Amino acid sequence: MKMEFMLLAEKAPEGMFMNQILMFGLIGLVFYFFMLRPQIKRSKEAKAFREGLATGDKIVTTGGIHGKVLEINENTVLISTEGAGKLRVEKASVSANPDEMLGAKK
């Protein structure tokens, strides 16, 4: 019985291992170029935007609050909202300039 099983089993082709390695490498490259690289680029752009903030800039926070920068500290930003409201938010929560967001949608 064991002999029949051994005779029926086919031997794997010699290049099969290299084909598998090549396929995993290609999957890795696709993953990098379509998922990781764009995310890294967006995070660098967001960091540059936060570092380039100046008083008077219009901003949108990640929570969707629109405001105008009044004061910038090391980790926080004081913004004025509609009316006489003032909010102090973390610098990391500032996501974009609303004018640039509108320009990107057109």
Protein backbone atom coordinates (compact mmCIF):
# COMPACT_ATOMS: atom_id res chain seq x y z
CA MET A 1 0.00 0.00 0.00
CA LYS A 2 2.76 2.42 0.90
CA MET A 3 4.60 1.59 -2.29
CA GLU A 4 1.55 2.40 -4.43
CA PHE A 5 1.19 5.79 -2.72
CA MET A 6 4.84 6.59 -3.36
CA LEU A 7 4.54 5.65 -7.00
CA LEU A 8 1.45 7.82 -7.49
CA ALA A 9 3.03 10.90 -5.92
CA GLU A 10 4.55 13.21 -8.47
CA LYS A 11 7.88 14.85 -7.98
CA ALA A 12 7.78 18.67 -7.82
CA PRO A 13 9.43 20.42 -10.75
CA GLU A 14 12.92 21.76 -10.10
CA GLY A 15 12.05 25.46 -10.66
CA MET A 16 8.98 25.44 -8.43
CA PHE A 17 10.82 26.87 -5.41
CA MET A 18 12.23 29.80 -7.40
CA ASN A 19 8.79 30.55 -8.87
CA GLN A 20 7.31 30.76 -5.38
CA ILE A 21 10.09 33.08 -4.21
CA LEU A 22 9.56 35.26 -7.28
CA MET A 23 5.80 35.44 -6.72
CA PHE A 24 6.18 36.43 -3.06
CA GLY A 25 8.70 39.09 -4.11
CA LEU A 26 6.28 40.50 -6.68
CA ILE A 27 3.46 40.54 -4.13
CA GLY A 28 5.76 42.42 -1.75
CA LEU A 29 6.60 45.01 -4.42
CA VAL A 30 2.94 45.55 -5.29
CA PHE A 31 2.10 45.93 -1.60
CA TYR A 32 4.88 48.49 -1.18
CA PHE A 33 4.08 50.60 -4.25
CA PHE A 34 0.29 50.59 -3.94
CA MET A 35 -0.15 50.72 -0.15
CA LEU A 36 2.91 51.71 1.86
CA ARG A 37 4.53 54.30 -0.40
CA PRO A 38 1.41 56.50 -0.84
CA GLN A 39 0.73 56.38 2.90
CA ILE A 40 4.30 57.45 3.69
CA LYS A 41 3.99 60.29 1.18
CA ARG A 42 0.70 61.51 2.73
CA SER A 43 2.14 61.42 6.25
CA LYS A 44 5.20 63.44 5.15
CA GLU A 45 2.94 66.03 3.50
CA ALA A 46 0.77 66.29 6.63
CA LYS A 47 3.85 66.70 8.84
CA ALA A 48 5.22 69.43 6.55
CA PHE A 49 1.82 71.19 6.64
CA ARG A 50 1.75 71.14 10.46
CA GLU A 51 5.31 72.43 10.70
CA GLY A 52 4.53 75.23 8.24
CA LEU A 53 1.52 76.55 10.13
CA ALA A 54 1.44 80.27 10.75
CA THR A 55 -0.97 82.55 12.60
CA GLY A 56 -3.87 83.54 10.39
CA ASP A 57 -3.95 80.23 8.46
CA LYS A 58 -7.32 78.57 7.99
CA ILE A 59 -7.35 74.93 9.11
CA VAL A 60 -9.59 71.90 9.53
CA THR A 61 -9.02 69.48 12.40
CA THR A 62 -9.41 65.71 12.10
CA GLY A 63 -12.70 66.11 13.98
CA GLY A 64 -14.02 68.41 11.26
CA ILE A 65 -13.73 71.71 13.15
CA HIS A 66 -12.94 74.66 10.89
CA GLY A 67 -11.03 77.55 12.32
CA LYS A 68 -8.32 80.18 11.99
CA VAL A 69 -4.98 79.87 13.79
CA LEU A 70 -4.47 82.44 16.54
CA GLU A 71 -1.48 81.02 18.41
CA ILE A 72 0.96 78.17 17.88
CA ASN A 73 2.80 76.38 20.68
CA GLU A 74 5.11 73.38 20.52
CA ASN A 75 2.32 70.77 20.69
CA THR A 76 -0.92 72.78 20.58
CA VAL A 77 -2.66 75.28 18.35
CA LEU A 78 -5.19 77.89 19.50
CA ILE A 79 -7.88 78.40 16.87
CA SER A 80 -10.84 80.72 16.64
CA THR A 81 -14.07 79.22 15.41
CA GLU A 82 -17.24 80.85 14.19
CA GLY A 83 -18.50 83.49 16.58
CA ALA A 84 -16.25 84.21 19.54
CA GLY A 85 -15.26 80.59 20.21
CA LYS A 86 -11.65 79.67 20.81
CA LEU A 87 -10.34 76.12 21.00
CA ARG A 88 -6.94 74.74 21.87
CA VAL A 89 -6.27 71.55 19.90
CA GLU A 90 -3.30 69.24 19.53
CA LYS A 91 -1.08 70.09 16.59
CA ALA A 92 -1.35 66.47 15.43
CA SER A 93 -5.13 66.88 14.99
CA VAL A 94 -4.73 69.61 12.37
CA SER A 95 -5.35 67.89 9.06
CA ALA A 96 -5.55 70.36 6.18
CA ASN A 97 -6.18 73.77 4.76
CA PRO A 98 -9.84 73.99 3.65
CA ASP A 99 -8.91 76.04 0.56
CA GLU A 100 -6.53 73.29 -0.60
CA MET A 101 -9.20 70.65 0.09
CA LEU A 102 -11.67 72.48 -2.14
CA GLY A 103 -9.06 72.90 -4.85
CA ALA A 104 -8.28 69.18 -4.82
CA LYS A 105 -11.94 68.22 -5.35
CA LYS A 106 -12.35 70.26 -8.54
